[in-house]
């Protein structure tokens, strides 16, 4: 059974930085995609960034140039480096893992609050 554990959320001032990490455990083989989604209060969950096992990446327009996603295939971890954070980045951030067969797994989420 796949498990995803996120870490790194917290409170940061506007313009600050945070790094989120996600560790995947379980039986992992084949091509897969790890990524981050977020959900702000009263809003739908939205894509932030994804990275395939081949390291191709995809970003939401709202975070391009500010966020960077990376992964370590040997350790089955994904990291989201978030710079120049804005109040509108405040949300619960969820790690996701989509296996080669299309099955998706989700972490429990970590809260990021951007406020002065």
C-alpha atoms as a PDB file:
ATOM      1  CA  UNK A   1       0.000   0.000   0.000  1.00  0.00           C
ATOM      2  CA  UNK A   2       1.402   3.350  -1.041  1.00  0.00           C
ATOM      3  CA  UNK A   3       1.879   5.959   1.659  1.00  0.00           C
ATOM      4  CA  UNK A   4       2.842   9.590   1.201  1.00  0.00           C
ATOM      5  CA  UNK A   5       4.167  11.712   4.052  1.00  0.00           C
ATOM      6  CA  UNK A   6       4.498  15.472   3.610  1.00  0.00           C
ATOM      7  CA  UNK A   7       6.578  17.847   5.691  1.00  0.00           C
ATOM      8  CA  UNK A   8       7.754  21.445   5.632  1.00  0.00           C
ATOM      9  CA  UNK A   9       4.612  23.529   5.895  1.00  0.00           C
ATOM     10  CA  UNK A  10       4.300  26.469   8.229  1.00  0.00           C
ATOM     11  CA  UNK A  11       3.883  30.205   8.570  1.00  0.00           C
ATOM     12  CA  UNK A  12       5.975  32.549   6.454  1.00  0.00           C
ATOM     13  CA  UNK A  13       5.869  36.238   5.653  1.00  0.00           C
ATOM     14  CA  UNK A  14       5.126  37.475   2.134  1.00  0.00           C
ATOM     15  CA  UNK A  15       8.259  37.275   0.025  1.00  0.00           C
ATOM     16  CA  UNK A  16       9.625  34.432   2.094  1.00  0.00           C
ATOM     17  CA  UNK A  17      10.446  30.848   1.174  1.00  0.00           C
ATOM     18  CA  UNK A  18       9.432  27.377   2.261  1.00  0.00           C
ATOM     19  CA  UNK A  19      10.408  23.907   1.144  1.00  0.00           C
ATOM     20  CA  UNK A  20       7.899  21.064   1.139  1.00  0.00           C
ATOM     21  CA  UNK A  21       9.007  17.460   1.047  1.00  0.00           C
ATOM     22  CA  UNK A  22       7.103  14.289   0.266  1.00  0.00           C
ATOM     23  CA  UNK A  23       8.312  10.768   0.909  1.00  0.00           C
ATOM     24  CA  UNK A  24       6.609   7.858  -0.825  1.00  0.00           C
ATOM     25  CA  UNK A  25       6.753   4.359   0.583  1.00  0.00           C
ATOM     26  CA  UNK A  26       5.444   1.106  -0.777  1.00  0.00           C
ATOM     27  CA  UNK A  27       6.023  -0.960  -3.884  1.00  0.00           C
ATOM     28  CA  UNK A  28       7.104   1.416  -6.625  1.00  0.00           C
ATOM     29  CA  UNK A  29       7.961   0.384 -10.155  1.00  0.00           C
ATOM     30  CA  UNK A  30       7.393   1.714 -13.629  1.00  0.00           C
ATOM     31  CA  UNK A  31       6.847   5.249 -14.801  1.00  0.00           C
ATOM     32  CA  UNK A  32       5.111   7.496 -12.323  1.00  0.00           C
ATOM     33  CA  UNK A  33       4.351  11.116 -11.593  1.00  0.00           C
ATOM     34  CA  UNK A  34       4.747  12.879  -8.268  1.00  0.00           C
ATOM     35  CA  UNK A  35       3.349  16.281  -7.624  1.00  0.00           C
ATOM     36  CA  UNK A  36       1.710  18.842  -5.432  1.00  0.00           C
ATOM     37  CA  UNK A  37      -1.818  20.177  -5.383  1.00  0.00           C
ATOM     38  CA  UNK A  38      -3.242  22.770  -3.039  1.00  0.00           C
ATOM     39  CA  UNK A  39      -6.604  23.747  -1.675  1.00  0.00           C
ATOM     40  CA  UNK A  40      -7.327  27.161  -0.238  1.00  0.00           C
ATOM     41  CA  UNK A  41     -10.324  27.788   2.046  1.00  0.00           C
ATOM     42  CA  UNK A  42     -13.503  27.892   0.016  1.00  0.00           C
ATOM     43  CA  UNK A  43     -11.765  26.936  -3.203  1.00  0.00           C
ATOM     44  CA  UNK A  44     -11.321  23.776  -5.228  1.00  0.00           C
ATOM     45  CA  UNK A  45      -8.149  21.760  -5.146  1.00  0.00           C
ATOM     46  CA  UNK A  46      -5.768  22.878  -7.879  1.00  0.00           C
ATOM     47  CA  UNK A  47      -2.585  21.688  -9.495  1.00  0.00           C
ATOM     48  CA  UNK A  48       0.634  23.321  -8.331  1.00  0.00           C
ATOM     49  CA  UNK A  49       3.364  21.277  -9.999  1.00  0.00           C
ATOM     50  CA  UNK A  50       4.151  17.759 -11.132  1.00  0.00           C
ATOM     51  CA  UNK A  51       7.303  15.884 -12.037  1.00  0.00           C
ATOM     52  CA  UNK A  52       7.523  12.586 -13.862  1.00  0.00           C
ATOM     53  CA  UNK A  53      10.021   9.852 -13.077  1.00  0.00           C
ATOM     54  CA  UNK A  54      11.815  11.003 -16.225  1.00  0.00           C
ATOM     55  CA  UNK A  55      11.912  14.454 -14.590  1.00  0.00           C
ATOM     56  CA  UNK A  56       9.693  16.336 -17.022  1.00  0.00           C
ATOM     57  CA  UNK A  57       7.836  19.023 -15.095  1.00  0.00           C
ATOM     58  CA  UNK A  58       4.574  20.911 -15.249  1.00  0.00           C
ATOM     59  CA  UNK A  59       3.641  24.052 -13.311  1.00  0.00           C
ATOM     60  CA  UNK A  60       0.536  26.092 -12.728  1.00  0.00           C
ATOM     61  CA  UNK A  61       0.872  29.524 -14.315  1.00  0.00           C
ATOM     62  CA  UNK A  62       0.429  31.155 -10.915  1.00  0.00           C
ATOM     63  CA  UNK A  63       3.635  29.604  -9.554  1.00  0.00           C
ATOM     64  CA  UNK A  64       5.908  29.606 -12.604  1.00  0.00           C
ATOM     65  CA  UNK A  65       9.183  31.334 -11.848  1.00  0.00           C
ATOM     66  CA  UNK A  66       8.612  31.112  -8.085  1.00  0.00           C
ATOM     67  CA  UNK A  67       8.247  27.390  -7.333  1.00  0.00           C
ATOM     68  CA  UNK A  68      10.554  24.560  -8.327  1.00  0.00           C
ATOM     69  CA  UNK A  69       9.714  20.872  -8.095  1.00  0.00           C
ATOM     70  CA  UNK A  70      12.376  18.195  -7.972  1.00  0.00           C
ATOM     71  CA  UNK A  71      12.610  14.523  -7.093  1.00  0.00           C
ATOM     72  CA  UNK A  72      15.021  11.837  -6.025  1.00  0.00           C
ATOM     73  CA  UNK A  73      14.022   8.597  -7.703  1.00  0.00           C
ATOM     74  CA  UNK A  74      16.380   6.528  -5.560  1.00  0.00           C
ATOM     75  CA  UNK A  75      14.725   7.794  -2.375  1.00  0.00           C
ATOM     76  CA  UNK A  76      11.197   8.159  -3.808  1.00  0.00           C
ATOM     77  CA  UNK A  77      10.969  11.725  -2.597  1.00  0.00           C
ATOM     78  CA  UNK A  78       9.708  14.921  -4.162  1.00  0.00           C
ATOM     79  CA  UNK A  79      10.488  18.449  -3.049  1.00  0.00           C
ATOM     80  CA  UNK A  80       8.712  21.717  -3.764  1.00  0.00           C
ATOM     81  CA  UNK A  81      10.851  24.796  -3.250  1.00  0.00           C
ATOM     82  CA  UNK A  82       8.598  27.828  -2.902  1.00  0.00           C
ATOM     83  CA  UNK A  83      10.126  31.289  -3.185  1.00  0.00           C
ATOM     84  CA  UNK A  84       8.631  34.770  -3.158  1.00  0.00           C
ATOM     85  CA  UNK A  85       5.528  33.464  -1.453  1.00  0.00           C
ATOM     86  CA  UNK A  86       2.341  35.504  -1.644  1.00  0.00           C
ATOM     87  CA  UNK A  87      -0.724  35.559   0.607  1.00  0.00           C
ATOM     88  CA  UNK A  88      -2.680  33.863  -2.171  1.00  0.00           C
ATOM     89  CA  UNK A  89      -0.365  30.855  -1.863  1.00  0.00           C
ATOM     90  CA  UNK A  90      -1.950  30.124   1.516  1.00  0.00           C
ATOM     91  CA  UNK A  91      -3.484  26.656   1.312  1.00  0.00           C
ATOM     92  CA  UNK A  92      -3.214  23.063   2.361  1.00  0.00           C
ATOM     93  CA  UNK A  93      -0.663  21.446   0.068  1.00  0.00           C
ATOM     94  CA  UNK A  94      -1.117  17.800  -0.856  1.00  0.00           C
ATOM     95  CA  UNK A  95       1.485  15.466  -2.253  1.00  0.00           C
ATOM     96  CA  UNK A  96       0.291  13.099  -4.921  1.00  0.00           C
ATOM     97  CA  UNK A  97       1.710  10.005  -6.588  1.00  0.00           C
ATOM     98  CA  UNK A  98       0.252   8.619  -9.800  1.00  0.00           C
ATOM     99  CA  UNK A  99       1.421   5.126 -10.631  1.00  0.00           C
ATOM    100  CA  UNK A 100       2.048   3.699 -14.102  1.00  0.00           C
ATOM    101  CA  UNK A 101      -1.462   2.185 -14.121  1.00  0.00           C
ATOM    102  CA  UNK A 102      -3.075   5.546 -13.418  1.00  0.00           C
ATOM    103  CA  UNK A 103      -3.918   4.908  -9.781  1.00  0.00           C
ATOM    104  CA  UNK A 104      -3.402   8.060  -7.720  1.00  0.00           C
ATOM    105  CA  UNK A 105      -2.438   8.322  -4.085  1.00  0.00           C
ATOM    106  CA  UNK A 106      -2.649  11.366  -1.838  1.00  0.00           C
ATOM    107  CA  UNK A 107      -0.929  12.537   1.293  1.00  0.00           C
ATOM    108  CA  UNK A 108      -2.810  14.031   4.227  1.00  0.00           C
ATOM    109  CA  UNK A 109      -1.659  17.546   3.428  1.00  0.00           C
ATOM    110  CA  UNK A 110       0.466  20.213   5.050  1.00  0.00           C
ATOM    111  CA  UNK A 111      -0.663  23.767   5.755  1.00  0.00           C
ATOM    112  CA  UNK A 112       1.190  26.713   4.275  1.00  0.00           C
ATOM    113  CA  UNK A 113       0.220  30.137   5.588  1.00  0.00           C
ATOM    114  CA  UNK A 114       1.644  33.294   4.042  1.00  0.00           C
ATOM    115  CA  UNK A 115       0.900  36.263   6.229  1.00  0.00           C
ATOM    116  CA  UNK A 116       2.556  39.249   7.824  1.00  0.00           C
END
